[in-house]
Protein backbone atom coordinates (compact mmCIF):
# COMPACT_ATOMS: atom_id res chain seq x y z
CA UNK A 1 79.66 92.57 -58.59
CA UNK A 2 79.68 93.26 -62.32
CA UNK A 3 83.01 94.24 -63.82
CA UNK A 4 83.42 97.44 -65.90
CA UNK A 5 82.57 96.93 -69.56
CA UNK A 6 84.49 99.94 -70.90
CA UNK A 7 88.27 99.70 -71.18
CA UNK A 8 88.62 103.26 -69.94
CA UNK A 9 86.76 102.53 -66.68
CA UNK A 10 89.57 100.22 -65.52
CA UNK A 11 92.76 101.13 -63.77
CA UNK A 12 95.82 99.62 -65.43
CA UNK A 13 96.11 97.07 -62.59
CA UNK A 14 92.48 95.99 -62.92
CA UNK A 15 92.79 95.52 -66.65
CA UNK A 16 96.14 93.73 -66.38
CA UNK A 17 94.79 91.34 -63.76
CA UNK A 18 91.68 90.50 -65.77
CA UNK A 19 93.85 89.72 -68.77
CA UNK A 20 96.31 87.70 -66.68
CA UNK A 21 93.66 85.33 -65.31
CA UNK A 22 92.14 84.83 -68.75
CA UNK A 23 88.82 86.40 -67.87
CA UNK A 24 88.68 88.67 -70.91
CA UNK A 25 88.01 86.76 -74.11
CA UNK A 26 87.07 89.47 -76.60
CA UNK A 27 86.52 93.15 -77.20
CA UNK A 28 84.17 95.32 -79.19
CA UNK A 29 85.41 98.42 -81.02
CA UNK A 30 82.45 100.72 -81.81
CA UNK A 31 82.88 102.99 -84.83
CA UNK A 32 80.44 105.59 -86.07
CA UNK A 33 80.21 109.28 -87.03
CA UNK A 34 79.26 112.75 -85.84
CA UNK A 35 77.11 114.30 -88.53
CA UNK A 36 73.83 115.99 -89.31
CA UNK A 37 70.69 113.95 -88.67
CA UNK A 38 68.05 116.24 -90.16
CA UNK A 39 66.45 118.89 -87.97
CA UNK A 40 65.25 116.59 -85.21
CA UNK A 41 68.08 114.25 -84.16
CA UNK A 42 71.29 115.12 -82.33
CA UNK A 43 74.41 114.83 -84.44
CA UNK A 44 75.92 112.27 -82.07
CA UNK A 45 73.24 109.71 -82.98
CA UNK A 46 75.41 107.19 -84.82
CA UNK A 47 78.10 107.19 -82.16
CA UNK A 48 75.68 107.05 -79.27
CA UNK A 49 73.55 104.28 -80.75
CA UNK A 50 76.45 101.95 -81.55
CA UNK A 51 78.01 102.62 -78.13
CA UNK A 52 74.67 101.81 -76.51
CA UNK A 53 74.49 98.48 -78.34
CA UNK A 54 78.11 97.60 -77.58
CA UNK A 55 77.71 98.35 -73.87
CA UNK A 56 74.55 96.27 -73.53
CA UNK A 57 76.12 93.37 -75.43
CA UNK A 58 79.17 93.42 -73.15
CA UNK A 59 76.91 93.43 -70.09
CA UNK A 60 75.13 90.33 -71.34
CA UNK A 61 78.43 88.58 -71.93
CA UNK A 62 79.88 89.51 -68.52
CA UNK A 63 82.70 89.18 -67.64
CA UNK A 64 84.25 88.07 -70.93
CA UNK A 65 83.89 91.12 -73.19
CA UNK A 66 85.01 94.74 -72.94
CA UNK A 67 84.35 97.80 -75.10
CA UNK A 68 87.00 100.24 -76.32
CA UNK A 69 86.42 103.99 -76.65
CA UNK A 70 84.14 104.68 -79.60
CA UNK A 71 85.68 106.03 -82.78
CA UNK A 72 83.01 108.72 -82.94
CA UNK A 73 84.10 110.48 -86.13
CA UNK A 74 83.70 108.65 -89.41
CA UNK A 75 83.60 109.15 -93.16
CA UNK A 76 80.90 111.76 -93.70
CA UNK A 77 82.01 113.96 -96.60
CA UNK A 78 78.53 113.67 -98.11
CA UNK A 79 77.16 115.62 -95.11
CA UNK A 80 79.72 118.41 -95.04
CA UNK A 81 77.33 121.01 -96.45
CA UNK A 82 75.65 120.92 -93.02
CA UNK A 83 77.75 122.79 -90.40
CA UNK A 84 78.66 120.70 -87.39
CA UNK A 85 79.40 117.52 -89.29
CA UNK A 86 82.89 116.25 -88.40
CA UNK A 87 84.29 114.04 -91.15
CA UNK A 88 87.55 112.14 -91.45
CA UNK A 89 89.10 111.36 -94.80
CA UNK A 90 88.95 107.62 -95.53
CA UNK A 91 92.68 107.12 -95.09
CA UNK A 92 92.62 108.89 -91.73
CA UNK A 93 89.67 106.89 -90.47
CA UNK A 94 91.17 103.58 -91.57
CA UNK A 95 94.52 104.43 -89.98
CA UNK A 96 92.84 105.23 -86.67
CA UNK A 97 90.79 102.05 -86.83
CA UNK A 98 93.81 99.89 -87.58
CA UNK A 99 95.70 101.49 -84.69
CA UNK A 100 92.87 100.72 -82.26
CA UNK A 101 92.72 97.10 -83.44
CA UNK A 102 96.51 96.85 -83.19
CA UNK A 103 96.44 98.12 -79.60
CA UNK A 104 93.86 95.51 -78.63
CA UNK A 105 95.82 92.77 -80.38
CA UNK A 106 98.97 93.82 -78.52
CA UNK A 107 97.02 93.76 -75.26
CA UNK A 108 96.33 90.10 -75.97
CA UNK A 109 92.88 90.05 -77.57
CA UNK A 110 92.48 87.45 -80.31
CA UNK A 111 88.71 87.96 -80.72
CA UNK A 112 87.72 91.44 -81.85
CA UNK A 113 84.46 92.77 -83.28
CA UNK A 114 84.45 96.17 -84.97
CA UNK A 115 80.81 97.18 -84.57
CA UNK A 116 79.75 99.89 -86.99
CA UNK A 117 77.01 102.49 -86.63
CA UNK A 118 77.48 104.63 -89.75
CA UNK A 119 76.77 103.64 -93.34
CA UNK A 120 79.55 105.78 -94.80
CA UNK A 121 82.18 103.66 -93.05
CA UNK A 122 81.11 100.38 -94.58
CA UNK A 123 82.61 100.30 -98.07
CA UNK A 124 86.03 101.72 -97.07
CA UNK A 125 86.41 99.24 -94.20
CA UNK A 126 85.21 96.29 -96.24
CA UNK A 127 87.67 97.25 -98.97
CA UNK A 128 90.70 96.92 -96.69
CA UNK A 129 89.48 94.25 -94.28
CA UNK A 130 91.50 91.50 -95.92
CA UNK A 131 94.64 93.60 -95.47
CA UNK A 132 93.79 94.17 -91.80
CA UNK A 133 93.44 90.41 -91.35
CA UNK A 134 96.78 89.77 -93.00
CA UNK A 135 98.63 92.38 -90.96
CA UNK A 136 96.96 91.85 -87.61
CA UNK A 137 96.42 88.06 -87.76
CA UNK A 138 93.48 87.68 -85.41
CA UNK A 139 89.88 86.56 -85.25
CA UNK A 140 88.72 89.97 -86.47
CA UNK A 141 85.17 90.72 -87.56
CA UNK A 142 83.40 93.79 -88.92
CA UNK A 143 79.65 94.37 -89.17
CA UNK A 144 77.06 97.10 -88.79
CA UNK A 145 74.67 96.48 -85.92
CA UNK A 146 71.60 96.71 -88.18
CA UNK A 147 73.00 93.90 -90.34
CA UNK A 148 72.14 91.60 -87.45
CA UNK A 149 68.51 92.74 -87.38
CA UNK A 150 66.66 90.57 -89.93
CA UNK A 151 63.61 91.88 -91.74
CA UNK A 152 61.25 89.58 -89.88
CA UNK A 153 62.30 91.21 -86.60
CA UNK A 154 62.35 94.79 -87.89
CA UNK A 155 59.47 95.23 -90.32
CA UNK A 156 56.63 94.43 -87.87
CA UNK A 157 57.71 97.50 -85.91
CA UNK A 158 58.23 99.86 -88.85
CA UNK A 159 55.31 101.55 -90.55
CA UNK A 160 57.55 102.46 -93.50
CA UNK A 161 59.23 99.00 -93.55
CA UNK A 162 62.54 100.76 -94.29
CA UNK A 163 65.75 100.58 -92.29
CA UNK A 164 68.32 101.61 -91.34
CA UNK A 165 67.88 104.87 -93.28
CA UNK A 166 69.40 108.18 -92.24
CA UNK A 167 67.48 109.92 -89.44
CA UNK A 168 64.35 108.17 -90.67
CA UNK A 169 61.81 106.06 -88.77
CA UNK A 170 64.30 103.42 -87.61
CA UNK A 171 66.95 105.74 -86.18
CA UNK A 172 64.35 108.06 -84.70
CA UNK A 173 62.59 105.15 -82.99
CA UNK A 174 65.93 103.93 -81.63
CA UNK A 175 66.63 107.36 -80.13
CA UNK A 176 63.12 107.73 -78.70
CA UNK A 177 63.58 104.45 -76.85
CA UNK A 178 67.21 104.72 -75.77
CA UNK A 179 67.95 108.43 -75.35
CA UNK A 180 64.80 110.51 -75.98
CA UNK A 181 66.55 113.74 -74.96
CA UNK A 182 68.32 113.58 -78.35
CA UNK A 183 65.04 113.86 -80.27
CA UNK A 184 63.53 117.29 -80.94
CA UNK A 185 60.04 116.06 -81.74
CA UNK A 186 58.74 119.54 -82.46
CA UNK A 187 61.33 120.01 -85.19
CA UNK A 188 60.03 117.15 -87.31
CA UNK A 189 57.26 119.39 -88.60
CA UNK A 190 59.81 121.97 -89.71
CA UNK A 191 61.42 119.69 -92.28
CA UNK A 192 60.29 118.42 -95.66
CA UNK A 193 61.00 114.80 -94.75
CA UNK A 194 58.12 113.56 -92.58
CA UNK A 195 59.04 109.87 -92.37
CA UNK A 196 60.55 110.30 -88.88
CA UNK A 197 57.08 111.23 -87.60
CA UNK A 198 56.16 107.54 -87.90
CA UNK A 199 58.67 106.56 -85.20
CA UNK A 200 57.60 105.44 -81.73
CA UNK A 201 59.56 104.60 -78.60
CA UNK A 202 57.72 101.29 -78.34
CA UNK A 203 58.92 100.22 -81.79
CA UNK A 204 62.42 101.38 -80.97
CA UNK A 205 62.52 99.36 -77.75
CA UNK A 206 61.42 96.19 -79.53
CA UNK A 207 64.02 96.56 -82.26
CA UNK A 208 66.77 97.45 -79.79
CA UNK A 209 66.07 94.29 -77.81
CA UNK A 210 66.36 92.20 -80.98
CA UNK A 211 69.56 93.98 -82.01
CA UNK A 212 71.23 93.49 -78.64
CA UNK A 213 70.23 89.83 -78.47
CA UNK A 214 71.48 89.15 -81.99
CA UNK A 215 74.76 91.04 -81.62
CA UNK A 216 75.36 89.33 -78.28
CA UNK A 217 74.92 85.93 -79.90
CA UNK A 218 77.23 86.94 -82.76
CA UNK A 219 79.88 88.05 -80.26
CA UNK A 220 79.42 84.91 -78.17
CA UNK A 221 80.12 82.82 -81.27
CA UNK A 222 83.30 84.84 -81.84
CA UNK A 223 84.67 84.39 -78.31
CA UNK A 224 83.64 80.73 -78.18
CA UNK A 225 85.47 79.97 -81.40
CA UNK A 226 82.32 79.15 -83.34
CA UNK A 227 82.79 82.11 -85.70
CA UNK A 228 86.34 82.33 -87.01
CA UNK A 229 87.60 84.89 -89.52
CA UNK A 230 89.28 83.47 -92.61
CA UNK A 231 92.67 85.12 -92.95
CA UNK A 232 93.72 85.51 -96.61
CA UNK A 233 96.82 83.54 -97.51
CA UNK A 234 100.16 85.13 -98.26
CA UNK A 235 101.42 84.53 -101.77
CA UNK A 236 104.32 82.10 -101.98
């Protein structure tokens, strides 16, 4: 029987026992945002998409990888003119992220992937990542899931050839394939931006399969010691 992939689905005994026997080799920390996605996509899109990828990756790497709760609020000040967007200040977001990593390190995880689903998180995290490595001293990695989707796997499925974009063809196709109830197709015609109308569920499914396969391989390399983070040296 497959083991739970989400940390929160375990009892404390189940989690403790899996750690004790050395079954768990790595964890994924999904981070994203809750923000406006034009008139046609639910505001949870970034959080739901990255959680979807993380869960499927962990299933493929059973029983070695688990997924923490998603940090579903990110750095979204540029969307605050649209009511409903929930944005954290950069310092708040980074403090929460570091705390989650610290908890997983204290649980015993050496191999950790912070998997990002929101563009606004990228520069702040990348700016402090060296400090995280110094303080937390682990095989820590950060990437956005679309970074592991090369052009040759994405562009054949995109009429606009653009990705990831914000609520554009790529994200709309992803939602149509993975959680179509989050797409208000009739609302696309109500907005000036018509690029999302190019999206199809078939294209989304093809790109999702490539993303999951590529992220799973990236995570496998992490837990197998083939991809090792370079920790900056302390000054002497």
